[in-house]
């Protein structure tokens, strides 16, 4: 396999640090790294994220990743990630992430090294 681009390695390292039951948005990851933006992080996760806890890097509106909703939902329930149950009017009746309770700010993640 080809070597990962440096930015992709850094994004994946952040994804691996997110504790079970917590999430960061694509924008949170970019902000934490101090470079790139939500789209770049999303692209890295789409191309290379299969080997890390991809379900912990999410959209800021808490909507589950299209095409992977049920796999992600199983992981969230397994990890106890806070969810907001969907109203019956919601498409597919799928819950959303409770972003106020589930969002992780990266606190403590840098304690072992200056930066990634």
C-alpha atoms as a PDB file:
ATOM      1  CA  UNK A   1       0.000   0.000   0.000  1.00  0.00           C
ATOM      2  CA  UNK A   2       1.183   3.516  -0.759  1.00  0.00           C
ATOM      3  CA  UNK A   3       2.209   5.731   2.107  1.00  0.00           C
ATOM      4  CA  UNK A   4      -0.549   7.989   3.412  1.00  0.00           C
ATOM      5  CA  UNK A   5      -0.253  11.727   2.843  1.00  0.00           C
ATOM      6  CA  UNK A   6       0.925  13.467   6.033  1.00  0.00           C
ATOM      7  CA  UNK A   7      -2.358  15.357   6.469  1.00  0.00           C
ATOM      8  CA  UNK A   8      -4.334  12.108   6.186  1.00  0.00           C
ATOM      9  CA  UNK A   9      -2.142  10.487   8.853  1.00  0.00           C
ATOM     10  CA  UNK A  10      -2.771  13.407  11.194  1.00  0.00           C
ATOM     11  CA  UNK A  11      -6.560  13.299  10.647  1.00  0.00           C
ATOM     12  CA  UNK A  12      -6.632   9.549  11.301  1.00  0.00           C
ATOM     13  CA  UNK A  13      -4.551   9.984  14.471  1.00  0.00           C
ATOM     14  CA  UNK A  14      -7.126  12.456  15.799  1.00  0.00           C
ATOM     15  CA  UNK A  15      -9.974  10.061  14.941  1.00  0.00           C
ATOM     16  CA  UNK A  16      -8.208   7.317  16.910  1.00  0.00           C
ATOM     17  CA  UNK A  17      -7.951   9.593  19.984  1.00  0.00           C
ATOM     18  CA  UNK A  18     -11.688  10.330  20.219  1.00  0.00           C
ATOM     19  CA  UNK A  19     -12.955   8.356  23.211  1.00  0.00           C
ATOM     20  CA  UNK A  20     -15.734   5.771  22.829  1.00  0.00           C
ATOM     21  CA  UNK A  21     -19.130   7.407  23.206  1.00  0.00           C
ATOM     22  CA  UNK A  22     -17.871  10.786  22.000  1.00  0.00           C
ATOM     23  CA  UNK A  23     -17.624  12.467  18.581  1.00  0.00           C
ATOM     24  CA  UNK A  24     -15.864  15.341  16.821  1.00  0.00           C
ATOM     25  CA  UNK A  25     -17.167  17.093  13.732  1.00  0.00           C
ATOM     26  CA  UNK A  26     -15.152  17.308  10.524  1.00  0.00           C
ATOM     27  CA  UNK A  27     -14.607  20.989  11.329  1.00  0.00           C
ATOM     28  CA  UNK A  28     -13.549  20.193  14.906  1.00  0.00           C
ATOM     29  CA  UNK A  29     -10.841  17.868  13.611  1.00  0.00           C
ATOM     30  CA  UNK A  30      -9.560  20.495  11.149  1.00  0.00           C
ATOM     31  CA  UNK A  31      -9.584  23.158  13.869  1.00  0.00           C
ATOM     32  CA  UNK A  32      -7.794  20.856  16.310  1.00  0.00           C
ATOM     33  CA  UNK A  33      -5.094  20.189  13.709  1.00  0.00           C
ATOM     34  CA  UNK A  34      -4.857  23.873  12.852  1.00  0.00           C
ATOM     35  CA  UNK A  35      -5.105  23.255   9.120  1.00  0.00           C
ATOM     36  CA  UNK A  36      -7.521  22.214   6.416  1.00  0.00           C
ATOM     37  CA  UNK A  37     -11.254  22.375   6.771  1.00  0.00           C
ATOM     38  CA  UNK A  38     -14.317  20.154   7.088  1.00  0.00           C
ATOM     39  CA  UNK A  39     -14.243  19.101   3.439  1.00  0.00           C
ATOM     40  CA  UNK A  40     -10.591  18.052   3.583  1.00  0.00           C
ATOM     41  CA  UNK A  41     -11.221  16.035   6.750  1.00  0.00           C
ATOM     42  CA  UNK A  42     -14.291  14.444   5.157  1.00  0.00           C
ATOM     43  CA  UNK A  43     -12.263  13.509   2.089  1.00  0.00           C
ATOM     44  CA  UNK A  44      -9.559  11.879   4.241  1.00  0.00           C
ATOM     45  CA  UNK A  45     -12.186   9.936   6.185  1.00  0.00           C
ATOM     46  CA  UNK A  46     -13.907   8.804   2.971  1.00  0.00           C
ATOM     47  CA  UNK A  47     -10.649   7.603   1.418  1.00  0.00           C
ATOM     48  CA  UNK A  48      -8.721   6.254   4.407  1.00  0.00           C
ATOM     49  CA  UNK A  49     -11.022   6.172   7.453  1.00  0.00           C
ATOM     50  CA  UNK A  50     -12.021   2.508   7.361  1.00  0.00           C
ATOM     51  CA  UNK A  51      -9.214   1.433   9.694  1.00  0.00           C
ATOM     52  CA  UNK A  52     -10.060   3.950  12.460  1.00  0.00           C
ATOM     53  CA  UNK A  53     -13.268   4.661  14.436  1.00  0.00           C
ATOM     54  CA  UNK A  54     -14.814   6.535  11.481  1.00  0.00           C
ATOM     55  CA  UNK A  55     -18.202   6.778  13.193  1.00  0.00           C
ATOM     56  CA  UNK A  56     -16.708   9.214  15.726  1.00  0.00           C
ATOM     57  CA  UNK A  57     -15.992  11.887  13.066  1.00  0.00           C
ATOM     58  CA  UNK A  58     -19.359  13.325  12.118  1.00  0.00           C
ATOM     59  CA  UNK A  59     -21.416  16.083  10.528  1.00  0.00           C
ATOM     60  CA  UNK A  60     -22.056  19.080  12.758  1.00  0.00           C
ATOM     61  CA  UNK A  61     -25.843  18.645  12.510  1.00  0.00           C
ATOM     62  CA  UNK A  62     -25.662  15.176  14.094  1.00  0.00           C
ATOM     63  CA  UNK A  63     -27.170  13.417  11.069  1.00  0.00           C
ATOM     64  CA  UNK A  64     -25.749   9.917  10.663  1.00  0.00           C
ATOM     65  CA  UNK A  65     -23.384   9.338   7.741  1.00  0.00           C
ATOM     66  CA  UNK A  66     -25.497   8.638   4.634  1.00  0.00           C
ATOM     67  CA  UNK A  67     -25.061   5.082   3.440  1.00  0.00           C
ATOM     68  CA  UNK A  68     -23.563   3.987   6.764  1.00  0.00           C
ATOM     69  CA  UNK A  69     -26.377   4.930   9.155  1.00  0.00           C
ATOM     70  CA  UNK A  70     -27.138   1.475  10.503  1.00  0.00           C
ATOM     71  CA  UNK A  71     -23.492   0.459  10.945  1.00  0.00           C
ATOM     72  CA  UNK A  72     -22.804   3.749  12.730  1.00  0.00           C
ATOM     73  CA  UNK A  73     -25.940   3.432  14.861  1.00  0.00           C
ATOM     74  CA  UNK A  74     -24.851  -0.012  16.042  1.00  0.00           C
ATOM     75  CA  UNK A  75     -21.491   1.464  17.110  1.00  0.00           C
ATOM     76  CA  UNK A  76     -23.107   4.432  18.871  1.00  0.00           C
ATOM     77  CA  UNK A  77     -25.443   2.186  20.825  1.00  0.00           C
ATOM     78  CA  UNK A  78     -22.575  -0.175  21.686  1.00  0.00           C
ATOM     79  CA  UNK A  79     -20.457   2.736  22.981  1.00  0.00           C
ATOM     80  CA  UNK A  80     -23.298   4.598  24.712  1.00  0.00           C
ATOM     81  CA  UNK A  81     -22.972   7.678  22.499  1.00  0.00           C
ATOM     82  CA  UNK A  82     -25.753  10.178  23.342  1.00  0.00           C
ATOM     83  CA  UNK A  83     -28.502  10.091  20.705  1.00  0.00           C
ATOM     84  CA  UNK A  84     -31.653  12.081  20.116  1.00  0.00           C
ATOM     85  CA  UNK A  85     -34.476   9.812  19.067  1.00  0.00           C
ATOM     86  CA  UNK A  86     -36.078  10.766  15.787  1.00  0.00           C
ATOM     87  CA  UNK A  87     -39.593  12.055  15.578  1.00  0.00           C
ATOM     88  CA  UNK A  88     -41.987   9.889  13.627  1.00  0.00           C
ATOM     89  CA  UNK A  89     -41.968  12.549  10.915  1.00  0.00           C
ATOM     90  CA  UNK A  90     -38.202  12.181  10.457  1.00  0.00           C
ATOM     91  CA  UNK A  91     -37.077  10.416   7.311  1.00  0.00           C
ATOM     92  CA  UNK A  92     -36.369   6.783   8.115  1.00  0.00           C
ATOM     93  CA  UNK A  93     -37.025   7.418  11.824  1.00  0.00           C
ATOM     94  CA  UNK A  94     -33.280   7.349  12.488  1.00  0.00           C
ATOM     95  CA  UNK A  95     -31.977   9.110  15.572  1.00  0.00           C
ATOM     96  CA  UNK A  96     -29.387  11.869  15.371  1.00  0.00           C
ATOM     97  CA  UNK A  97     -26.381  12.339  17.554  1.00  0.00           C
ATOM     98  CA  UNK A  98     -27.015  14.538  20.581  1.00  0.00           C
ATOM     99  CA  UNK A  99     -24.210  16.927  19.688  1.00  0.00           C
ATOM    100  CA  UNK A 100     -24.404  18.915  22.926  1.00  0.00           C
ATOM    101  CA  UNK A 101     -23.690  15.781  24.962  1.00  0.00           C
ATOM    102  CA  UNK A 102     -21.623  13.709  22.509  1.00  0.00           C
ATOM    103  CA  UNK A 103     -19.202  16.330  21.195  1.00  0.00           C
ATOM    104  CA  UNK A 104     -15.633  16.017  22.438  1.00  0.00           C
ATOM    105  CA  UNK A 105     -13.293  19.008  22.565  1.00  0.00           C
ATOM    106  CA  UNK A 106     -10.056  17.040  22.534  1.00  0.00           C
ATOM    107  CA  UNK A 107      -9.313  17.826  26.177  1.00  0.00           C
ATOM    108  CA  UNK A 108      -6.464  15.711  27.454  1.00  0.00           C
ATOM    109  CA  UNK A 109      -5.572  14.431  23.995  1.00  0.00           C
ATOM    110  CA  UNK A 110      -2.400  16.512  23.761  1.00  0.00           C
ATOM    111  CA  UNK A 111      -1.007  15.647  27.159  1.00  0.00           C
ATOM    112  CA  UNK A 112       1.509  13.142  25.794  1.00  0.00           C
ATOM    113  CA  UNK A 113       2.865  15.209  22.929  1.00  0.00           C
ATOM    114  CA  UNK A 114       3.050  18.842  21.877  1.00  0.00           C
ATOM    115  CA  UNK A 115       1.102  18.258  18.651  1.00  0.00           C
ATOM    116  CA  UNK A 116       0.353  15.578  16.132  1.00  0.00           C
END
